[in-house]
Amino acid sequence: MVDYYTTPNQLVTKIKTLYSDLTDKDFDQMNGGTILLQNDTDGKGDYIKSWKHPTLSKPTKSELDSV
C-alpha cells in the first residue's frame, strides 16, 4: 500500500524531521540521491517511490503521521 501526502513538500518535511541528518542531496536523483519521492499528478499526492538509503530505514506510515 502506498501512503500519500497531499500538501506540497509535506512528505519531505516529515522525512527530514524524522531523520535530521538528511539533506536535499539525499532527495536529488541527479546527484546521487537515494530517496525518490513521486507524485503521479492523479490528485493523491506525494509518496516514497524508492528508498535506497544505506543507513536509514524507510519510515513507516505511523512514524510519518506522528510528525
PDB file of N, CA and C in Angstrom:
ATOM      1  N   MET A   1       0.835  -1.183   0.000  1.00  0.00           N
ATOM      2  CA  MET A   1       0.000   0.000   0.000  1.00  0.00           C
ATOM      3  C   MET A   1       0.881   1.247   0.000  1.00  0.00           C
ATOM      4  N   VAL A   2       0.499   2.217  -0.797  1.00  0.00           N
ATOM      5  CA  VAL A   2       1.239   3.465  -0.889  1.00  0.00           C
ATOM      6  C   VAL A   2       0.592   4.488   0.034  1.00  0.00           C
ATOM      7  N   ASP A   3       1.426   5.205   0.771  1.00  0.00           N
ATOM      8  CA  ASP A   3       0.935   6.258   1.656  1.00  0.00           C
ATOM      9  C   ASP A   3       1.187   7.601   0.995  1.00  0.00           C
ATOM     10  N   TYR A   4       0.132   8.386   0.808  1.00  0.00           N
ATOM     11  CA  TYR A   4       0.209   9.652   0.106  1.00  0.00           C
ATOM     12  C   TYR A   4       0.156  10.828   1.074  1.00  0.00           C
ATOM     13  N   TYR A   5       0.839  11.901   0.708  1.00  0.00           N
ATOM     14  CA  TYR A   5       0.832  13.153   1.465  1.00  0.00           C
ATOM     15  C   TYR A   5       0.579  14.277   0.477  1.00  0.00           C
ATOM     16  N   THR A   6      -0.502  15.018   0.691  1.00  0.00           N
ATOM     17  CA  THR A   6      -1.002  15.907  -0.349  1.00  0.00           C
ATOM     18  C   THR A   6      -0.519  17.347  -0.278  1.00  0.00           C
ATOM     19  N   THR A   7      -0.067  17.806   0.861  1.00  0.00           N
ATOM     20  CA  THR A   7       0.419  19.179   0.952  1.00  0.00           C
ATOM     21  C   THR A   7       1.804  19.255   0.312  1.00  0.00           C
ATOM     22  N   PRO A   8       2.065  20.261  -0.546  1.00  0.00           N
ATOM     23  CA  PRO A   8       3.384  20.363  -1.177  1.00  0.00           C
ATOM     24  C   PRO A   8       4.504  20.336  -0.141  1.00  0.00           C
ATOM     25  N   ASN A   9       5.504  19.536  -0.399  1.00  0.00           N
ATOM     26  CA  ASN A   9       6.686  19.375   0.453  1.00  0.00           C
ATOM     27  C   ASN A   9       6.389  18.758   1.814  1.00  0.00           C
ATOM     28  N   GLN A  10       5.171  18.357   2.069  1.00  0.00           N
ATOM     29  CA  GLN A  10       4.820  17.767   3.355  1.00  0.00           C
ATOM     30  C   GLN A  10       5.626  16.498   3.616  1.00  0.00           C
ATOM     31  N   LEU A  11       5.770  15.652   2.625  1.00  0.00           N
ATOM     32  CA  LEU A  11       6.473  14.387   2.813  1.00  0.00           C
ATOM     33  C   LEU A  11       7.955  14.630   3.075  1.00  0.00           C
ATOM     34  N   VAL A  12       8.579  15.503   2.312  1.00  0.00           N
ATOM     35  CA  VAL A  12       9.996  15.825   2.533  1.00  0.00           C
ATOM     36  C   VAL A  12      10.195  16.378   3.940  1.00  0.00           C
ATOM     37  N   THR A  13       9.333  17.275   4.351  1.00  0.00           N
ATOM     38  CA  THR A  13       9.436  17.872   5.688  1.00  0.00           C
ATOM     39  C   THR A  13       9.314  16.812   6.767  1.00  0.00           C
ATOM     40  N   LYS A  14       8.369  15.908   6.625  1.00  0.00           N
ATOM     41  CA  LYS A  14       8.180  14.845   7.608  1.00  0.00           C
ATOM     42  C   LYS A  14       9.412  13.937   7.671  1.00  0.00           C
ATOM     43  N   ILE A  15       9.936  13.556   6.526  1.00  0.00           N
ATOM     44  CA  ILE A  15      11.107  12.678   6.491  1.00  0.00           C
ATOM     45  C   ILE A  15      12.316  13.374   7.112  1.00  0.00           C
ATOM     46  N   LYS A  16      12.541  14.640   6.764  1.00  0.00           N
ATOM     47  CA  LYS A  16      13.672  15.380   7.323  1.00  0.00           C
ATOM     48  C   LYS A  16      13.515  15.604   8.823  1.00  0.00           C
ATOM     49  N   THR A  17      12.288  15.699   9.303  1.00  0.00           N
ATOM     50  CA  THR A  17      12.060  15.839  10.737  1.00  0.00           C
ATOM     51  C   THR A  17      12.422  14.539  11.454  1.00  0.00           C
ATOM     52  N   LEU A  18      12.063  13.427  10.864  1.00  0.00           N
ATOM     53  CA  LEU A  18      12.404  12.125  11.449  1.00  0.00           C
ATOM     54  C   LEU A  18      13.905  11.859  11.408  1.00  0.00           C
ATOM     55  N   TYR A  19      14.528  12.231  10.296  1.00  0.00           N
ATOM     56  CA  TYR A  19      15.954  11.983  10.088  1.00  0.00           C
ATOM     57  C   TYR A  19      16.647  13.317   9.822  1.00  0.00           C
ATOM     58  N   SER A  20      17.040  13.983  10.885  1.00  0.00           N
ATOM     59  CA  SER A  20      17.576  15.348  10.773  1.00  0.00           C
ATOM     60  C   SER A  20      18.914  15.422  10.027  1.00  0.00           C
ATOM     61  N   ASP A  21      19.594  14.295   9.851  1.00  0.00           N
ATOM     62  CA  ASP A  21      20.860  14.306   9.118  1.00  0.00           C
ATOM     63  C   ASP A  21      20.668  14.343   7.603  1.00  0.00           C
ATOM     64  N   LEU A  22      19.464  14.098   7.126  1.00  0.00           N
ATOM     65  CA  LEU A  22      19.206  14.125   5.684  1.00  0.00           C
ATOM     66  C   LEU A  22      19.286  15.551   5.156  1.00  0.00           C
ATOM     67  N   THR A  23      19.733  15.669   3.912  1.00  0.00           N
ATOM     68  CA  THR A  23      19.806  16.961   3.244  1.00  0.00           C
ATOM     69  C   THR A  23      19.051  16.866   1.916  1.00  0.00           C
ATOM     70  N   ASP A  24      18.946  17.986   1.233  1.00  0.00           N
ATOM     71  CA  ASP A  24      18.287  17.995  -0.079  1.00  0.00           C
ATOM     72  C   ASP A  24      18.981  17.041  -1.047  1.00  0.00           C
ATOM     73  N   LYS A  25      20.283  16.857  -0.891  1.00  0.00           N
ATOM     74  CA  LYS A  25      21.033  15.975  -1.785  1.00  0.00           C
ATOM     75  C   LYS A  25      20.513  14.524  -1.701  1.00  0.00           C
ATOM     76  N   ASP A  26      20.043  14.117  -0.544  1.00  0.00           N
ATOM     77  CA  ASP A  26      19.516  12.761  -0.394  1.00  0.00           C
ATOM     78  C   ASP A  26      18.287  12.521  -1.271  1.00  0.00           C
ATOM     79  N   PHE A  27      17.618  13.602  -1.661  1.00  0.00           N
ATOM     80  CA  PHE A  27      16.410  13.508  -2.486  1.00  0.00           C
ATOM     81  C   PHE A  27      16.678  13.877  -3.947  1.00  0.00           C
ATOM     82  N   ASP A  28      17.917  14.229  -4.275  1.00  0.00           N
ATOM     83  CA  ASP A  28      18.282  14.699  -5.614  1.00  0.00           C
ATOM     84  C   ASP A  28      18.826  13.543  -6.446  1.00  0.00           C
ATOM     85  N   GLN A  29      17.995  12.958  -7.265  1.00  0.00           N
ATOM     86  CA  GLN A  29      18.370  11.797  -8.065  1.00  0.00           C
ATOM     87  C   GLN A  29      19.480  12.105  -9.072  1.00  0.00           C
ATOM     88  N   MET A  30      19.587  13.345  -9.497  1.00  0.00           N
ATOM     89  CA  MET A  30      20.611  13.727 -10.473  1.00  0.00           C
ATOM     90  C   MET A  30      22.005  13.786  -9.835  1.00  0.00           C
ATOM     91  N   ASN A  31      22.055  13.847  -8.509  1.00  0.00           N
ATOM     92  CA  ASN A  31      23.336  13.968  -7.816  1.00  0.00           C
ATOM     93  C   ASN A  31      23.536  12.875  -6.769  1.00  0.00           C
ATOM     94  N   GLY A  32      23.087  11.679  -7.075  1.00  0.00           N
ATOM     95  CA  GLY A  32      23.344  10.543  -6.209  1.00  0.00           C
ATOM     96  C   GLY A  32      22.378  10.347  -5.062  1.00  0.00           C
ATOM     97  N   GLY A  33      21.235  11.004  -5.104  1.00  0.00           N
ATOM     98  CA  GLY A  33      20.249  10.845  -4.044  1.00  0.00           C
ATOM     99  C   GLY A  33      19.739   9.422  -3.950  1.00  0.00           C
ATOM    100  N   THR A  34      19.412   8.998  -2.733  1.00  0.00           N
ATOM    101  CA  THR A  34      18.997   7.611  -2.511  1.00  0.00           C
ATOM    102  C   THR A  34      17.520   7.486  -2.147  1.00  0.00           C
ATOM    103  N   ILE A  35      16.838   8.624  -2.078  1.00  0.00           N
ATOM    104  CA  ILE A  35      15.414   8.619  -1.726  1.00  0.00           C
ATOM    105  C   ILE A  35      14.652   9.268  -2.877  1.00  0.00           C
ATOM    106  N   LEU A  36      13.741   8.523  -3.457  1.00  0.00           N
ATOM    107  CA  LEU A  36      12.965   9.029  -4.584  1.00  0.00           C
ATOM    108  C   LEU A  36      11.509   9.181  -4.167  1.00  0.00           C
ATOM    109  N   LEU A  37      11.043  10.425  -4.211  1.00  0.00           N
ATOM    110  CA  LEU A  37       9.635  10.718  -3.957  1.00  0.00           C
ATOM    111  C   LEU A  37       8.971  10.952  -5.296  1.00  0.00           C
ATOM    112  N   GLN A  38       7.692  10.653  -5.372  1.00  0.00           N
ATOM    113  CA  GLN A  38       6.993  10.818  -6.635  1.00  0.00           C
ATOM    114  C   GLN A  38       5.578  11.314  -6.397  1.00  0.00           C
ATOM    115  N   ASN A  39       5.082  12.048  -7.374  1.00  0.00           N
ATOM    116  CA  ASN A  39       3.691  12.481  -7.413  1.00  0.00           C
ATOM    117  C   ASN A  39       3.202  12.180  -8.815  1.00  0.00           C
ATOM    118  N   ASP A  40       2.217  11.321  -8.933  1.00  0.00           N
ATOM    119  CA  ASP A  40       1.721  10.901 -10.243  1.00  0.00           C
ATOM    120  C   ASP A  40       0.691  11.865 -10.826  1.00  0.00           C
ATOM    121  N   THR A  41       0.526  13.011 -10.204  1.00  0.00           N
ATOM    122  CA  THR A  41      -0.447  14.037 -10.604  1.00  0.00           C
ATOM    123  C   THR A  41      -1.839  13.459 -10.824  1.00  0.00           C
ATOM    124  N   ASP A  42      -2.210  12.541  -9.964  1.00  0.00           N
ATOM    125  CA  ASP A  42      -3.537  11.931 -10.020  1.00  0.00           C
ATOM    126  C   ASP A  42      -4.417  12.429  -8.871  1.00  0.00           C
ATOM    127  N   GLY A  43      -3.922  13.463  -8.168  1.00  0.00           N
ATOM    128  CA  GLY A  43      -4.678  14.033  -7.067  1.00  0.00           C
ATOM    129  C   GLY A  43      -4.450  13.358  -5.731  1.00  0.00           C
ATOM    130  N   LYS A  44      -3.649  12.301  -5.710  1.00  0.00           N
ATOM    131  CA  LYS A  44      -3.410  11.578  -4.464  1.00  0.00           C
ATOM    132  C   LYS A  44      -2.266  12.170  -3.652  1.00  0.00           C
ATOM    133  N   GLY A  45      -1.311  12.803  -4.310  1.00  0.00           N
ATOM    134  CA  GLY A  45      -0.198  13.442  -3.602  1.00  0.00           C
ATOM    135  C   GLY A  45       1.126  12.717  -3.755  1.00  0.00           C
ATOM    136  N   ASP A  46       2.079  13.106  -2.895  1.00  0.00           N
ATOM    137  CA  ASP A  46       3.431  12.559  -2.934  1.00  0.00           C
ATOM    138  C   ASP A  46       3.512  11.243  -2.169  1.00  0.00           C
ATOM    139  N   TYR A  47       4.439  10.394  -2.604  1.00  0.00           N
ATOM    140  CA  TYR A  47       4.703   9.145  -1.898  1.00  0.00           C
ATOM    141  C   TYR A  47       6.158   8.745  -2.110  1.00  0.00           C
ATOM    142  N   ILE A  48       6.639   7.821  -1.278  1.00  0.00           N
ATOM    143  CA  ILE A  48       8.005   7.325  -1.410  1.00  0.00           C
ATOM    144  C   ILE A  48       7.997   6.245  -2.487  1.00  0.00           C
ATOM    145  N   LYS A  49       8.595   6.559  -3.611  1.00  0.00           N
ATOM    146  CA  LYS A  49       8.677   5.616  -4.741  1.00  0.00           C
ATOM    147  C   LYS A  49       9.796   4.603  -4.502  1.00  0.00           C
ATOM    148  N   SER A  50      10.938   5.093  -3.989  1.00  0.00           N
ATOM    149  CA  SER A  50      12.091   4.224  -3.769  1.00  0.00           C
ATOM    150  C   SER A  50      12.898   4.748  -2.587  1.00  0.00           C
ATOM    151  N   TRP A  51      13.358   3.819  -1.753  1.00  0.00           N
ATOM    152  CA  TRP A  51      14.178   4.185  -0.587  1.00  0.00           C
ATOM    153  C   TRP A  51      15.396   3.277  -0.599  1.00  0.00           C
ATOM    154  N   LYS A  52      16.554   3.852  -0.935  1.00  0.00           N
ATOM    155  CA  LYS A  52      17.790   3.077  -1.006  1.00  0.00           C
ATOM    156  C   LYS A  52      18.885   3.683  -0.130  1.00  0.00           C
ATOM    157  N   HIS A  53      18.478   4.359   0.933  1.00  0.00           N
ATOM    158  CA  HIS A  53      19.462   4.974   1.814  1.00  0.00           C
ATOM    159  C   HIS A  53      20.275   3.871   2.491  1.00  0.00           C
ATOM    160  N   PRO A  54      21.601   4.016   2.522  1.00  0.00           N
ATOM    161  CA  PRO A  54      22.446   2.935   3.032  1.00  0.00           C
ATOM    162  C   PRO A  54      22.380   2.713   4.551  1.00  0.00           C
ATOM    163  N   THR A  55      21.957   3.719   5.326  1.00  0.00           N
ATOM    164  CA  THR A  55      21.978   3.555   6.786  1.00  0.00           C
ATOM    165  C   THR A  55      20.645   3.790   7.474  1.00  0.00           C
ATOM    166  N   LEU A  56      19.698   4.409   6.796  1.00  0.00           N
ATOM    167  CA  LEU A  56      18.411   4.715   7.400  1.00  0.00           C
ATOM    168  C   LEU A  56      17.317   3.856   6.794  1.00  0.00           C
ATOM    169  N   SER A  57      16.452   3.339   7.642  1.00  0.00           N
ATOM    170  CA  SER A  57      15.354   2.524   7.129  1.00  0.00           C
ATOM    171  C   SER A  57      14.193   3.418   6.697  1.00  0.00           C
ATOM    172  N   LYS A  58      13.457   2.938   5.730  1.00  0.00           N
ATOM    173  CA  LYS A  58      12.299   3.672   5.231  1.00  0.00           C
ATOM    174  C   LYS A  58      11.303   3.866   6.380  1.00  0.00           C
ATOM    175  N   PRO A  59      10.847   5.103   6.585  1.00  0.00           N
ATOM    176  CA  PRO A  59       9.907   5.335   7.686  1.00  0.00           C
ATOM    177  C   PRO A  59       8.551   4.696   7.403  1.00  0.00           C
ATOM    178  N   THR A  60       7.908   4.265   8.460  1.00  0.00           N
ATOM    179  CA  THR A  60       6.578   3.680   8.335  1.00  0.00           C
ATOM    180  C   THR A  60       5.534   4.795   8.274  1.00  0.00           C
ATOM    181  N   LYS A  61       4.328   4.444   7.878  1.00  0.00           N
ATOM    182  CA  LYS A  61       3.241   5.415   7.843  1.00  0.00           C
ATOM    183  C   LYS A  61       3.010   5.992   9.240  1.00  0.00           C
ATOM    184  N   SER A  62       3.036   5.150  10.253  1.00  0.00           N
ATOM    185  CA  SER A  62       2.787   5.661  11.612  1.00  0.00           C
ATOM    186  C   SER A  62       3.895   6.601  12.070  1.00  0.00           C
ATOM    187  N   GLU A  63       5.140   6.333  11.674  1.00  0.00           N
ATOM    188  CA  GLU A  63       6.231   7.256  12.007  1.00  0.00           C
ATOM    189  C   GLU A  63       6.024   8.604  11.319  1.00  0.00           C
ATOM    190  N   LEU A  64       5.668   8.567  10.035  1.00  0.00           N
ATOM    191  CA  LEU A  64       5.453   9.808   9.280  1.00  0.00           C
ATOM    192  C   LEU A  64       4.252  10.568   9.834  1.00  0.00           C
ATOM    193  N   ASP A  65       3.195   9.857  10.175  1.00  0.00           N
ATOM    194  CA  ASP A  65       1.997  10.501  10.683  1.00  0.00           C
ATOM    195  C   ASP A  65       2.193  11.107  12.072  1.00  0.00           C
ATOM    196  N   SER A  66       3.192  10.615  12.805  1.00  0.00           N
ATOM    197  CA  SER A  66       3.442  11.135  14.153  1.00  0.00           C
ATOM    198  C   SER A  66       4.164  12.484  14.138  1.00  0.00           C
ATOM    199  N   VAL A  67       4.672  12.863  12.980  1.00  0.00           N
ATOM    200  CA  VAL A  67       5.424  14.128  12.860  1.00  0.00           C
ATOM    201  C   VAL A  67       4.469  15.254  12.539  1.00  0.00           C
TER     202      VAL A  67
END
